[in-house]
Amino acid sequence: MKDSVSSRRLSVFPVVAALSVVWVVCSIFIPYGFPWTGLAWGALALSVALWRVRSSGTRSIAQILREVDAPPEPAMARKTLRLPAPTMWAYIACLSLWPALTFAETPGPANLSACKSGWSTCDRSRLTLMEITEVALAGRARNVANCRNGLTLCDLDKLSKAEATSVAVALYDRNVSNCRDGLRPCDHSQLTPSEGRETAMAEHRRQLSNCKDGIGACDPSTLTELEVADVVRSLRRRAVSDCRDGIGRCDHSELTGPEATEVARAERQRNVSNCRNGWDECDRSRLNEREAAEVDVAVHARNVSDCMEGRDSCDYSLLNASESKALTSAERVRNYAACLNRRGYCDRSRLTPSEAASIPTEVR
């Protein structure tokens, strides 16, 4: 019997040894996988508990005979007995597994994303060693981007030599671009002679464009005589165009004879169009007899259309007898269709006896 007990105890040793090897492998090949190490420890504790249960469950014949010969204990005494060894070891195994299961829980991806983005909601205590490395790399890349974009969050001391060179090139190119486009910040002292000449030419072209278009700052003193003459012609053309299109202030006294005639024709056509469309800018006193007749026809046709479509702008007083009759007929058709299909406003009092009778009972 002793040989059988010892053989059973020895049969558990390969399992314990295998789990120990698993734990060692996890510790070596997964240095950042702390949760896996915890699981290995938990499995090892569970195997020890099972071994204890099996070993304590096999008793010798002498132990069994002593328990049979022993007098029975009272019920109250049995209730106060300590837990047997197998149960105690099972509890120990559960307590050993609890930290492993706790550490094996994968942190939420939201926390990792917050840490990689540098947000205040980041909880670095929940990161694994591998995630801490990812966060460090993300922070380094973010610092490089901040430096390249000239942001105040840039920390030049954290840049490597290659990163510092890349940032310097980006800042230099952006300064040249800002100076050429007239943006800020711009440091002319950092420009080479050729870049300075190109920037000066770009500034001159921009100055000329501002003077010709009347937009932005214009300093005529920086222009040549030919450029000043070109600017004067551009200003003249824009003034005539504004008068012709009714944009801004128009000084008719500055117009020549042909220009005044062209502007007057454009203003008359614009007034007729305003009256025809019913806009507030219409001045009927400036219409001649032919234009007034055209406007009346257009206004009347638009009013008929508004009434037929049921728009608020309909003026029923402007309709003649035939138009009123056509409108009444159209409204009767619409009302009957609404009552028949139960869609839209339906006034049953306006139905004829035949129309009312044709409506199905379930619709009534």
Protein backbone atom coordinates (compact mmCIF):
# COMPACT_ATOMS: atom_id res chain seq x y z
CA MET A 1 0.00 0.00 0.00
CA LYS A 2 2.85 2.38 0.82
CA ASP A 3 4.35 1.66 -2.62
CA SER A 4 1.06 2.56 -4.33
CA VAL A 5 0.79 5.83 -2.41
CA SER A 6 4.35 6.83 -3.21
CA SER A 7 3.86 5.93 -6.89
CA ARG A 8 0.79 8.11 -7.09
CA ARG A 9 2.67 10.99 -5.52
CA LEU A 10 5.50 10.56 -7.98
CA SER A 11 3.05 10.59 -10.95
CA VAL A 12 2.21 14.23 -10.21
CA PHE A 13 5.81 15.37 -10.42
CA PRO A 14 5.95 15.41 -14.28
CA VAL A 15 2.94 17.74 -14.36
CA VAL A 16 4.52 20.09 -11.83
CA ALA A 17 7.80 20.00 -13.72
CA ALA A 18 6.07 20.74 -17.04
CA LEU A 19 4.24 23.74 -15.60
CA SER A 20 7.48 25.00 -14.10
CA VAL A 21 9.12 24.80 -17.52
CA VAL A 22 6.18 26.73 -19.03
CA TRP A 23 6.62 29.45 -16.42
CA VAL A 24 10.35 29.71 -17.09
CA VAL A 25 9.77 29.90 -20.87
CA CYS A 26 7.15 32.63 -20.43
CA SER A 27 9.51 34.59 -18.19
CA ILE A 28 12.35 34.37 -20.72
CA PHE A 29 10.64 34.74 -24.09
CA ILE A 30 7.83 37.08 -23.05
CA PRO A 31 9.65 39.65 -20.91
CA TYR A 32 6.83 42.16 -21.30
CA GLY A 33 4.05 39.66 -20.78
CA PHE A 34 3.60 40.05 -17.00
CA PRO A 35 0.03 38.70 -17.17
CA TRP A 36 1.31 35.45 -18.71
CA THR A 37 3.82 35.11 -15.85
CA GLY A 38 0.98 35.51 -13.36
CA LEU A 39 -1.03 32.81 -15.14
CA ALA A 40 1.95 30.46 -14.99
CA TRP A 41 2.29 31.07 -11.23
CA GLY A 42 -1.45 30.42 -10.81
CA ALA A 43 -1.27 27.19 -12.77
CA LEU A 44 1.70 26.07 -10.67
CA ALA A 45 -0.23 26.80 -7.44
CA LEU A 46 -3.24 24.89 -8.74
CA SER A 47 -1.11 21.86 -9.61
CA VAL A 48 0.40 21.84 -6.10
CA ALA A 49 -3.10 21.98 -4.61
CA LEU A 50 -4.27 19.06 -6.74
CA TRP A 51 -1.19 17.09 -5.77
CA ARG A 52 -1.96 17.71 -2.11
CA VAL A 53 -5.56 16.61 -2.58
CA ARG A 54 -4.54 13.37 -4.29
CA SER A 55 -1.77 12.61 -1.80
CA SER A 56 -3.99 13.26 1.22
CA GLY A 57 -6.85 11.30 -0.33
CA THR A 58 -4.78 8.00 -0.23
CA ARG A 59 -4.47 6.69 3.38
CA SER A 60 -2.86 3.58 4.78
CA ILE A 61 -4.82 0.62 6.30
CA ALA A 62 -3.55 1.47 9.79
CA GLN A 63 -4.94 4.99 9.56
CA ILE A 64 -8.32 3.64 8.43
CA LEU A 65 -8.45 1.11 11.35
CA ARG A 66 -7.56 3.83 13.89
CA GLU A 67 -10.39 6.03 12.59
CA VAL A 68 -12.87 3.11 12.80
CA ASP A 69 -11.89 2.24 16.38
CA ALA A 70 -12.04 5.85 17.52
CA PRO A 71 -15.19 6.84 19.45
CA PRO A 72 -17.70 9.00 17.57
CA GLU A 73 -17.49 12.73 18.16
CA PRO A 74 -20.54 14.81 19.02
CA ALA A 75 -22.28 16.75 16.28
CA MET A 76 -21.35 20.12 17.79
CA ALA A 77 -17.70 19.14 17.87
CA ARG A 78 -17.81 18.13 14.20
CA LYS A 79 -19.11 21.56 13.30
CA THR A 80 -16.15 23.27 14.92
CA LEU A 81 -13.57 21.13 13.22
CA ARG A 82 -11.02 22.87 10.97
CA LEU A 83 -11.26 22.44 7.25
CA PRO A 84 -9.53 19.33 5.97
CA ALA A 85 -6.21 19.80 4.24
CA PRO A 86 -7.54 19.23 0.68
CA THR A 87 -10.18 21.96 1.08
CA MET A 88 -7.64 24.34 2.57
CA TRP A 89 -5.26 23.81 -0.34
CA ALA A 90 -8.11 24.37 -2.83
CA TYR A 91 -8.78 27.75 -1.25
CA ILE A 92 -5.08 28.56 -1.43
CA ALA A 93 -5.10 27.67 -5.13
CA CYS A 94 -8.08 29.98 -5.78
CA LEU A 95 -6.38 32.82 -3.93
CA SER A 96 -3.24 32.20 -5.96
CA LEU A 97 -5.17 32.33 -9.23
CA TRP A 98 -6.95 35.59 -8.36
CA PRO A 99 -3.95 37.94 -8.89
CA ALA A 100 -3.12 36.11 -12.13
CA LEU A 101 -6.62 36.60 -13.49
CA THR A 102 -6.57 40.23 -12.37
CA PHE A 103 -3.26 40.98 -14.07
CA ALA A 104 -4.28 39.02 -17.17
CA GLU A 105 -7.07 41.49 -17.89
CA THR A 106 -6.22 43.45 -21.03
CA PRO A 107 -6.29 47.23 -20.51
CA GLY A 108 -8.84 49.06 -22.62
CA PRO A 109 -7.70 50.31 -26.02
CA ALA A 110 -9.13 53.72 -25.17
CA ASN A 111 -6.56 54.22 -22.42
CA LEU A 112 -3.71 53.18 -24.74
CA SER A 113 -4.98 55.58 -27.39
CA ALA A 114 -5.21 58.39 -24.84
CA CYS A 115 -1.64 57.75 -23.68
CA LYS A 116 -0.32 57.63 -27.26
CA SER A 117 -2.11 60.92 -27.99
CA GLY A 118 -0.73 62.59 -24.88
CA TRP A 119 -4.15 63.26 -23.35
CA SER A 120 -4.71 63.96 -19.64
CA THR A 121 -7.05 60.95 -19.35
CA CYS A 122 -4.10 58.58 -19.77
CA ASP A 123 -3.53 56.16 -16.88
CA ARG A 124 0.04 54.95 -17.28
CA SER A 125 -0.33 52.51 -14.38
CA ARG A 126 -2.58 50.34 -16.56
CA LEU A 127 -0.01 49.98 -19.33
CA THR A 128 2.11 46.92 -19.92
CA LEU A 129 5.81 47.24 -20.67
CA MET A 130 5.15 46.75 -24.38
CA GLU A 131 2.46 49.47 -24.34
CA ILE A 132 4.78 51.81 -22.44
CA THR A 133 7.26 51.38 -25.31
CA GLU A 134 4.54 52.19 -27.86
CA VAL A 135 3.53 55.28 -25.89
CA ALA A 136 7.14 56.45 -25.73
CA LEU A 137 7.55 56.05 -29.50
CA ALA A 138 4.27 57.90 -30.12
CA GLY A 139 5.35 60.72 -27.82
CA ARG A 140 8.65 61.00 -29.64
CA ALA A 141 6.93 61.17 -33.03
CA ARG A 142 4.48 63.76 -31.71
CA ASN A 143 7.33 65.91 -30.43
CA VAL A 144 9.06 65.73 -33.83
CA ALA A 145 5.81 66.80 -35.54
CA ASN A 146 5.38 69.69 -33.10
CA CYS A 147 8.92 70.87 -33.79
CA ARG A 148 8.47 70.59 -37.57
CA ASN A 149 5.27 72.65 -37.36
CA GLY A 150 6.82 75.27 -35.11
CA LEU A 151 4.46 74.64 -32.19
CA THR A 152 5.24 75.73 -28.63
CA LEU A 153 4.98 72.11 -27.39
CA CYS A 154 8.24 71.30 -29.17
CA ASP A 155 11.12 70.10 -26.98
CA LEU A 156 14.32 70.40 -29.00
CA ASP A 157 16.36 68.64 -26.32
CA LYS A 158 14.50 65.38 -26.98
CA LEU A 159 15.40 65.29 -30.69
CA SER A 160 18.06 63.03 -32.07
CA LYS A 161 20.69 64.41 -34.45
CA ALA A 162 18.80 63.21 -37.53
CA GLU A 163 15.48 64.52 -36.17
CA ALA A 164 17.02 67.90 -35.37
CA THR A 165 18.35 68.16 -38.93
CA SER A 166 14.95 67.28 -40.39
CA VAL A 167 13.23 69.85 -38.17
CA ALA A 168 15.75 72.54 -39.12
CA VAL A 169 15.16 71.90 -42.83
CA ALA A 170 11.37 72.04 -42.37
CA LEU A 171 11.54 75.30 -40.40
CA TYR A 172 13.86 76.86 -42.97
CA ASP A 173 11.63 75.90 -45.90
CA ARG A 174 8.54 77.20 -44.13
CA ASN A 175 10.25 80.54 -43.43
CA VAL A 176 11.14 80.90 -47.12
CA SER A 177 7.57 80.04 -48.11
CA ASN A 178 6.10 82.52 -45.63
CA CYS A 179 8.35 85.32 -46.86
CA ARG A 180 7.54 84.59 -50.49
CA ASP A 181 3.76 84.46 -49.81
CA GLY A 182 3.68 87.45 -47.49
CA LEU A 183 2.75 85.40 -44.42
CA ARG A 184 3.97 85.63 -40.86
CA PRO A 185 6.30 84.77 -39.28
CA CYS A 186 8.96 85.71 -41.82
CA ASP A 187 12.63 86.31 -41.02
CA HIS A 188 14.33 87.94 -44.01
CA SER A 189 17.71 87.63 -42.30
CA GLN A 190 17.65 83.85 -42.79
CA LEU A 191 17.18 84.10 -46.56
CA THR A 192 20.01 83.61 -49.01
CA PRO A 193 20.65 86.41 -51.58
CA SER A 194 18.77 84.52 -54.31
CA GLU A 195 15.87 83.74 -51.98
CA GLY A 196 15.80 87.40 -50.94
CA ARG A 197 15.52 88.52 -54.58
CA GLU A 198 12.75 86.02 -55.28
CA THR A 199 10.89 87.21 -52.17
CA ALA A 200 11.25 90.85 -53.19
CA MET A 201 9.86 90.11 -56.65
CA ALA A 202 6.92 88.20 -55.15
CA GLU A 203 6.21 91.11 -52.80
CA HIS A 204 6.28 93.57 -55.72
CA ARG A 205 3.87 91.47 -57.78
CA ARG A 206 1.57 91.20 -54.78
CA GLN A 207 1.73 94.98 -54.26
CA LEU A 208 0.85 95.63 -57.91
CA SER A 209 -2.08 93.21 -57.73
CA ASN A 210 -3.41 94.89 -54.60
CA CYS A 211 -3.28 98.33 -56.25
CA LYS A 212 -5.01 97.13 -59.45
CA ASP A 213 -7.74 95.22 -57.64
CA GLY A 214 -8.24 97.70 -54.83
CA ILE A 215 -7.80 94.93 -52.27
CA GLY A 216 -5.24 94.97 -49.49
CA ALA A 217 -2.45 97.45 -48.86
CA CYS A 218 -1.29 99.50 -51.85
CA ASP A 219 1.81 101.70 -51.88
CA PRO A 220 2.04 103.47 -55.25
CA SER A 221 5.53 104.70 -54.38
CA THR A 222 6.87 101.18 -54.94
CA LEU A 223 5.52 101.06 -58.53
CA THR A 224 7.11 102.17 -61.76
CA GLU A 225 5.49 104.76 -64.05
CA LEU A 226 4.18 102.08 -66.40
CA GLU A 227 2.74 100.15 -63.48
CA VAL A 228 1.06 103.29 -62.11
CA ALA A 229 -0.56 103.92 -65.51
CA ASP A 230 -1.73 100.31 -65.61
CA VAL A 231 -3.21 100.70 -62.13
CA VAL A 232 -5.10 103.86 -63.20
CA ARG A 233 -6.62 102.05 -66.19
CA SER A 234 -7.62 99.12 -63.97
CA LEU A 235 -9.27 101.43 -61.45
CA ARG A 236 -11.17 103.15 -64.28
CA ARG A 237 -12.44 99.88 -65.71
CA ARG A 238 -13.53 98.70 -62.28
CA ALA A 239 -15.40 101.97 -61.60
CA VAL A 240 -17.34 101.67 -64.87
CA SER A 241 -18.05 98.01 -64.17
CA ASP A 242 -19.38 98.81 -60.69
CA CYS A 243 -21.70 101.49 -62.12
CA ARG A 244 -22.92 99.15 -64.85
CA ASP A 245 -23.59 96.30 -62.40
CA GLY A 246 -24.99 98.50 -59.63
CA ILE A 247 -22.27 97.48 -57.19
CA GLY A 248 -20.98 99.94 -54.61
CA ARG A 249 -20.93 103.69 -55.09
CA CYS A 250 -21.15 105.05 -58.62
CA ASP A 251 -20.07 108.61 -59.43
CA HIS A 252 -21.67 109.40 -62.80
CA SER A 253 -19.69 112.65 -63.02
CA GLU A 254 -16.48 110.67 -63.52
CA LEU A 255 -17.86 108.80 -66.52
CA THR A 256 -17.19 109.77 -70.09
CA GLY A 257 -20.03 110.14 -72.62
CA PRO A 258 -19.85 106.57 -73.99
CA GLU A 259 -19.39 105.18 -70.48
CA ALA A 260 -22.41 107.12 -69.18
CA THR A 261 -24.55 105.81 -72.06
CA GLU A 262 -23.47 102.22 -71.41
CA VAL A 263 -24.16 102.56 -67.68
CA ALA A 264 -27.63 104.12 -68.28
CA ARG A 265 -28.62 101.26 -70.60
CA ALA A 266 -27.49 98.66 -68.05
CA GLU A 267 -29.36 100.41 -65.23
CA ARG A 268 -32.58 100.55 -67.30
CA GLN A 269 -32.40 96.84 -68.14
CA ARG A 270 -31.72 95.99 -64.50
CA ASN A 271 -34.76 98.00 -63.36
CA VAL A 272 -37.04 96.24 -65.89
CA SER A 273 -35.79 92.87 -64.69
CA ASN A 274 -36.44 93.83 -61.07
CA CYS A 275 -40.00 94.89 -61.86
CA ARG A 276 -40.69 91.78 -63.95
CA ASN A 277 -39.53 89.55 -61.08
CA GLY A 278 -41.42 91.52 -58.43
CA TRP A 279 -38.33 92.58 -56.52
CA ASP A 280 -38.19 95.59 -54.19
CA GLU A 281 -35.56 97.37 -56.33
CA CYS A 282 -38.23 97.99 -59.01
CA ASP A 283 -38.93 101.67 -59.90
CA ARG A 284 -42.04 101.70 -62.11
CA SER A 285 -41.69 105.44 -62.70
CA ARG A 286 -38.63 104.74 -64.86
CA LEU A 287 -40.50 102.33 -67.16
CA ASN A 288 -41.72 103.44 -70.55
CA GLU A 289 -45.04 102.31 -72.00
CA ARG A 290 -43.67 99.21 -73.69
CA GLU A 291 -41.65 98.15 -70.62
CA ALA A 292 -44.64 98.71 -68.32
CA ALA A 293 -46.80 96.46 -70.54
CA GLU A 294 -44.18 93.72 -70.49
CA VAL A 295 -43.93 93.96 -66.72
CA ASP A 296 -47.72 93.78 -66.28
CA VAL A 297 -47.93 90.63 -68.40
CA ALA A 298 -45.11 88.97 -66.45
CA VAL A 299 -46.61 89.96 -63.08
CA HIS A 300 -50.06 88.68 -64.07
CA ALA A 301 -48.72 85.33 -65.28
CA ARG A 302 -46.73 84.87 -62.11
CA ASN A 303 -49.80 85.63 -59.97
CA VAL A 304 -51.89 83.03 -61.86
CA SER A 305 -49.17 80.46 -61.29
CA ASP A 306 -49.00 81.31 -57.59
CA CYS A 307 -52.75 80.88 -57.23
CA MET A 308 -52.76 77.57 -59.08
CA GLU A 309 -49.93 76.28 -56.86
CA GLY A 310 -51.57 77.57 -53.68
CA ARG A 311 -48.75 79.92 -52.76
CA ASP A 312 -49.17 82.69 -50.22
CA SER A 313 -48.25 85.34 -52.78
CA CYS A 314 -51.48 84.72 -54.74
CA ASP A 315 -53.65 87.82 -55.22
CA TYR A 316 -57.16 86.60 -56.13
CA SER A 317 -58.28 90.13 -56.96
CA LEU A 318 -55.98 90.17 -59.99
CA LEU A 319 -57.62 87.12 -61.59
CA ASN A 320 -60.13 87.57 -64.40
CA ALA A 321 -63.34 85.55 -64.76
CA SER A 322 -61.88 82.71 -66.82
CA GLU A 323 -58.85 82.40 -64.53
CA SER A 324 -61.07 82.33 -61.44
CA LYS A 325 -63.21 79.61 -63.04
CA ALA A 326 -60.15 77.56 -63.95
CA LEU A 327 -58.82 77.97 -60.43
CA THR A 328 -62.15 76.85 -58.93
CA SER A 329 -62.22 73.78 -61.17
CA ALA A 330 -58.66 72.87 -60.27
CA GLU A 331 -59.40 73.29 -56.57
CA ARG A 332 -62.50 71.03 -56.87
CA VAL A 333 -60.38 68.31 -58.49
CA ARG A 334 -57.73 68.64 -55.79
CA ASN A 335 -60.31 68.51 -52.98
CA TYR A 336 -62.02 65.41 -54.43
CA ALA A 337 -58.69 63.62 -54.77
CA ALA A 338 -57.81 64.49 -51.16
CA CYS A 339 -61.12 63.13 -49.89
CA LEU A 340 -60.88 60.00 -52.04
CA ASN A 341 -57.29 59.16 -51.14
CA ARG A 342 -57.40 60.58 -47.60
CA ARG A 343 -54.27 62.60 -48.32
CA GLY A 344 -54.24 66.37 -47.97
CA TYR A 345 -56.92 68.78 -46.87
CA CYS A 346 -60.47 67.54 -47.61
CA ASP A 347 -63.61 69.67 -47.36
CA ARG A 348 -66.56 67.28 -47.73
CA SER A 349 -69.06 70.17 -47.88
CA ARG A 350 -67.60 71.15 -51.26
CA LEU A 351 -68.20 67.72 -52.81
CA THR A 352 -71.02 67.23 -55.28
CA PRO A 353 -73.56 64.47 -54.52
CA SER A 354 -72.03 62.22 -57.16
CA GLU A 355 -68.50 62.82 -55.80
CA ALA A 356 -69.60 62.11 -52.23
CA ALA A 357 -71.34 58.89 -53.34
CA SER A 358 -68.27 57.65 -55.20
CA ILE A 359 -66.10 57.74 -52.07
CA PRO A 360 -65.86 54.20 -50.56
CA THR A 361 -67.54 53.61 -47.21
CA GLU A 362 -64.33 52.75 -45.39
CA VAL A 363 -62.88 56.11 -46.50
CA ARG A 364 -65.88 58.05 -45.24
